[in-house]
Amino acid sequence: NWCCPPSRKVQRFKLGPTPPRLLTEEEFQLQGEVETRKALAELRSFCRSPEFSAWTTVSRIQSPKRFADFVGGASHVTPNEVSAHEREFGLESLCIDEQLFEEDDDDDDEEEEENISDSSGG
């Protein structure tokens, strides 16, 4: 009580909890990479454990070799999948999106100019 007067506690209670800080884009990317690596390591560890039924799993999946490689430490995605993801969600797609929006804005400007000249009788 000596460090926080009662009025201070009441004030904090009235304001409610402070909202969590939002992550920056860099922090979000980094956290995603770290958590993904951690989850993949946990999955590999579980797949190597005695509780895991390897035969049941292998009989249900499309690519048993790829699964065995993953459990052995290989990447969970192929280079083709990485390329496709980069095309769809990477920097290339952002540039394409920006170009599309710029083209749409230019079209809108041209339509407005036409409407203005049509209404002015010119």
C-alpha atoms as a PDB file:
ATOM      1  CA  ASN A   1       0.000   0.000   0.000  1.00  0.00           C
ATOM      2  CA  TRP A   2       2.880   2.396   0.621  1.00  0.00           C
ATOM      3  CA  CYS A   3       3.895   2.364  -3.073  1.00  0.00           C
ATOM      4  CA  CYS A   4       0.426   2.696  -4.594  1.00  0.00           C
ATOM      5  CA  PRO A   5      -2.038   5.041  -2.932  1.00  0.00           C
ATOM      6  CA  PRO A   6      -5.679   3.862  -2.949  1.00  0.00           C
ATOM      7  CA  SER A   7      -6.706   6.600  -5.381  1.00  0.00           C
ATOM      8  CA  ARG A   8      -4.206   5.258  -7.911  1.00  0.00           C
ATOM      9  CA  LYS A   9      -5.714   1.754  -7.719  1.00  0.00           C
ATOM     10  CA  VAL A  10      -9.221   3.128  -8.275  1.00  0.00           C
ATOM     11  CA  GLN A  11      -8.041   5.121 -11.280  1.00  0.00           C
ATOM     12  CA  ARG A  12      -6.449   2.050 -12.869  1.00  0.00           C
ATOM     13  CA  PHE A  13      -9.606   0.018 -12.236  1.00  0.00           C
ATOM     14  CA  LYS A  14     -11.816   2.622 -13.923  1.00  0.00           C
ATOM     15  CA  LEU A  15      -9.608   2.758 -17.013  1.00  0.00           C
ATOM     16  CA  GLY A  16      -9.723  -0.996 -17.412  1.00  0.00           C
ATOM     17  CA  PRO A  17      -6.952  -3.196 -18.678  1.00  0.00           C
ATOM     18  CA  THR A  18      -4.561  -1.698 -21.172  1.00  0.00           C
ATOM     19  CA  PRO A  19      -4.941  -3.178 -24.657  1.00  0.00           C
ATOM     20  CA  PRO A  20      -2.098  -5.393 -25.838  1.00  0.00           C
ATOM     21  CA  ARG A  21       0.535  -3.834 -28.059  1.00  0.00           C
ATOM     22  CA  LEU A  22       0.095  -4.721 -31.720  1.00  0.00           C
ATOM     23  CA  LEU A  23       3.016  -6.368 -33.475  1.00  0.00           C
ATOM     24  CA  THR A  24       4.876  -4.677 -36.278  1.00  0.00           C
ATOM     25  CA  GLU A  25       5.005  -6.481 -39.631  1.00  0.00           C
ATOM     26  CA  GLU A  26       8.586  -7.587 -38.871  1.00  0.00           C
ATOM     27  CA  GLU A  27       7.669  -8.863 -35.399  1.00  0.00           C
ATOM     28  CA  PHE A  28       4.681 -10.716 -36.860  1.00  0.00           C
ATOM     29  CA  GLN A  29       6.833 -12.401 -39.522  1.00  0.00           C
ATOM     30  CA  LEU A  30       9.512 -13.318 -36.999  1.00  0.00           C
ATOM     31  CA  GLN A  31       7.005 -14.707 -34.507  1.00  0.00           C
ATOM     32  CA  GLY A  32       5.372 -16.746 -37.291  1.00  0.00           C
ATOM     33  CA  GLU A  33       8.717 -18.239 -38.322  1.00  0.00           C
ATOM     34  CA  VAL A  34       9.760 -19.035 -34.751  1.00  0.00           C
ATOM     35  CA  GLU A  35       6.428 -20.594 -33.807  1.00  0.00           C
ATOM     36  CA  THR A  36       6.263 -22.601 -37.047  1.00  0.00           C
ATOM     37  CA  ARG A  37       9.760 -24.024 -36.499  1.00  0.00           C
ATOM     38  CA  LYS A  38       8.851 -24.885 -32.909  1.00  0.00           C
ATOM     39  CA  ALA A  39       5.586 -26.593 -33.914  1.00  0.00           C
ATOM     40  CA  LEU A  40       7.301 -28.553 -36.702  1.00  0.00           C
ATOM     41  CA  ALA A  41       9.969 -29.740 -34.246  1.00  0.00           C
ATOM     42  CA  GLU A  42       7.237 -30.858 -31.819  1.00  0.00           C
ATOM     43  CA  LEU A  43       5.448 -32.688 -34.644  1.00  0.00           C
ATOM     44  CA  ARG A  44       8.647 -34.460 -35.708  1.00  0.00           C
ATOM     45  CA  SER A  45       9.311 -35.417 -32.106  1.00  0.00           C
ATOM     46  CA  PHE A  46       5.801 -36.821 -31.702  1.00  0.00           C
ATOM     47  CA  CYS A  47       6.091 -38.763 -34.977  1.00  0.00           C
ATOM     48  CA  ARG A  48       9.250 -40.433 -33.636  1.00  0.00           C
ATOM     49  CA  SER A  49       7.652 -41.341 -30.312  1.00  0.00           C
ATOM     50  CA  PRO A  50       6.324 -44.820 -29.415  1.00  0.00           C
ATOM     51  CA  GLU A  51       2.748 -43.475 -29.060  1.00  0.00           C
ATOM     52  CA  PHE A  52       2.681 -42.563 -32.753  1.00  0.00           C
ATOM     53  CA  SER A  53       1.201 -45.163 -35.093  1.00  0.00           C
ATOM     54  CA  ALA A  54       3.452 -44.789 -38.137  1.00  0.00           C
ATOM     55  CA  TRP A  55       1.803 -47.553 -40.194  1.00  0.00           C
ATOM     56  CA  THR A  56      -1.686 -46.127 -39.744  1.00  0.00           C
ATOM     57  CA  THR A  57      -0.497 -42.678 -40.729  1.00  0.00           C
ATOM     58  CA  VAL A  58       1.560 -43.818 -43.716  1.00  0.00           C
ATOM     59  CA  SER A  59      -1.371 -45.855 -45.033  1.00  0.00           C
ATOM     60  CA  ARG A  60      -3.542 -42.708 -45.062  1.00  0.00           C
ATOM     61  CA  ILE A  61      -1.250 -40.136 -46.645  1.00  0.00           C
ATOM     62  CA  GLN A  62      -0.604 -39.463 -50.331  1.00  0.00           C
ATOM     63  CA  SER A  63       3.183 -39.252 -50.145  1.00  0.00           C
ATOM     64  CA  PRO A  64       4.711 -41.600 -47.555  1.00  0.00           C
ATOM     65  CA  LYS A  65       8.257 -40.863 -48.796  1.00  0.00           C
ATOM     66  CA  ARG A  66       7.789 -37.128 -48.326  1.00  0.00           C
ATOM     67  CA  PHE A  67       6.390 -37.732 -44.826  1.00  0.00           C
ATOM     68  CA  ALA A  68       9.336 -39.977 -43.913  1.00  0.00           C
ATOM     69  CA  ASP A  69      11.745 -37.304 -45.188  1.00  0.00           C
ATOM     70  CA  PHE A  70       9.950 -34.678 -43.067  1.00  0.00           C
ATOM     71  CA  VAL A  71      10.174 -36.836 -39.929  1.00  0.00           C
ATOM     72  CA  GLY A  72      13.856 -37.325 -40.736  1.00  0.00           C
ATOM     73  CA  GLY A  73      14.392 -33.557 -40.753  1.00  0.00           C
ATOM     74  CA  ALA A  74      13.661 -32.469 -44.325  1.00  0.00           C
ATOM     75  CA  SER A  75      11.608 -29.379 -45.089  1.00  0.00           C
ATOM     76  CA  HIS A  76       7.837 -29.612 -44.853  1.00  0.00           C
ATOM     77  CA  VAL A  77       7.435 -27.736 -48.167  1.00  0.00           C
ATOM     78  CA  THR A  78       8.923 -28.305 -51.599  1.00  0.00           C
ATOM     79  CA  PRO A  79      10.783 -25.609 -53.546  1.00  0.00           C
ATOM     80  CA  ASN A  80       7.824 -25.463 -55.976  1.00  0.00           C
ATOM     81  CA  GLU A  81       5.432 -24.820 -53.087  1.00  0.00           C
ATOM     82  CA  VAL A  82       7.690 -22.044 -51.785  1.00  0.00           C
ATOM     83  CA  SER A  83       7.766 -20.428 -55.253  1.00  0.00           C
ATOM     84  CA  ALA A  84       3.994 -20.656 -55.612  1.00  0.00           C
ATOM     85  CA  HIS A  85       3.516 -19.128 -52.163  1.00  0.00           C
ATOM     86  CA  GLU A  86       5.938 -16.288 -52.954  1.00  0.00           C
ATOM     87  CA  ARG A  87       4.119 -15.578 -56.213  1.00  0.00           C
ATOM     88  CA  GLU A  88       0.755 -15.490 -54.469  1.00  0.00           C
ATOM     89  CA  PHE A  89       1.623 -13.829 -51.167  1.00  0.00           C
ATOM     90  CA  GLY A  90       5.162 -12.468 -51.498  1.00  0.00           C
ATOM     91  CA  LEU A  91       6.553  -9.168 -52.663  1.00  0.00           C
ATOM     92  CA  GLU A  92       5.712  -9.971 -56.283  1.00  0.00           C
ATOM     93  CA  SER A  93       2.000 -10.116 -55.485  1.00  0.00           C
ATOM     94  CA  LEU A  94       2.187  -6.815 -53.581  1.00  0.00           C
ATOM     95  CA  CYS A  95       3.703  -5.098 -56.617  1.00  0.00           C
ATOM     96  CA  ILE A  96       1.041  -6.581 -58.881  1.00  0.00           C
ATOM     97  CA  ASP A  97      -1.723  -5.519 -56.466  1.00  0.00           C
ATOM     98  CA  GLU A  98      -0.327  -1.984 -56.338  1.00  0.00           C
ATOM     99  CA  GLN A  99      -0.216  -1.843 -60.138  1.00  0.00           C
ATOM    100  CA  LEU A 100      -3.806  -3.063 -60.368  1.00  0.00           C
ATOM    101  CA  PHE A 101      -4.994  -0.466 -57.865  1.00  0.00           C
ATOM    102  CA  GLU A 102      -3.073   2.275 -59.673  1.00  0.00           C
ATOM    103  CA  GLU A 103      -4.715   1.245 -62.968  1.00  0.00           C
ATOM    104  CA  ASP A 104      -8.150   1.274 -61.313  1.00  0.00           C
ATOM    105  CA  ASP A 105      -7.470   4.745 -59.914  1.00  0.00           C
ATOM    106  CA  ASP A 106      -6.413   5.980 -63.355  1.00  0.00           C
ATOM    107  CA  ASP A 107      -9.620   4.565 -64.898  1.00  0.00           C
ATOM    108  CA  ASP A 108     -11.711   6.292 -62.217  1.00  0.00           C
ATOM    109  CA  ASP A 109      -9.955   9.616 -62.916  1.00  0.00           C
ATOM    110  CA  GLU A 110     -10.636   9.296 -66.650  1.00  0.00           C
ATOM    111  CA  GLU A 111     -14.324   8.532 -66.034  1.00  0.00           C
ATOM    112  CA  GLU A 112     -14.643  11.574 -63.749  1.00  0.00           C
ATOM    113  CA  GLU A 113     -13.030  13.797 -66.398  1.00  0.00           C
ATOM    114  CA  GLU A 114     -15.467  12.447 -69.031  1.00  0.00           C
ATOM    115  CA  ASN A 115     -18.441  13.060 -66.745  1.00  0.00           C
ATOM    116  CA  ILE A 116     -17.309  16.626 -66.067  1.00  0.00           C
ATOM    117  CA  SER A 117     -16.852  17.412 -69.762  1.00  0.00           C
ATOM    118  CA  ASP A 118     -20.210  15.798 -70.624  1.00  0.00           C
ATOM    119  CA  SER A 119     -22.067  17.836 -67.999  1.00  0.00           C
ATOM    120  CA  SER A 120     -20.416  21.087 -69.049  1.00  0.00           C
ATOM    121  CA  GLY A 121     -21.613  20.542 -72.604  1.00  0.00           C
ATOM    122  CA  GLY A 122     -18.122  20.394 -74.006  1.00  0.00           C
END
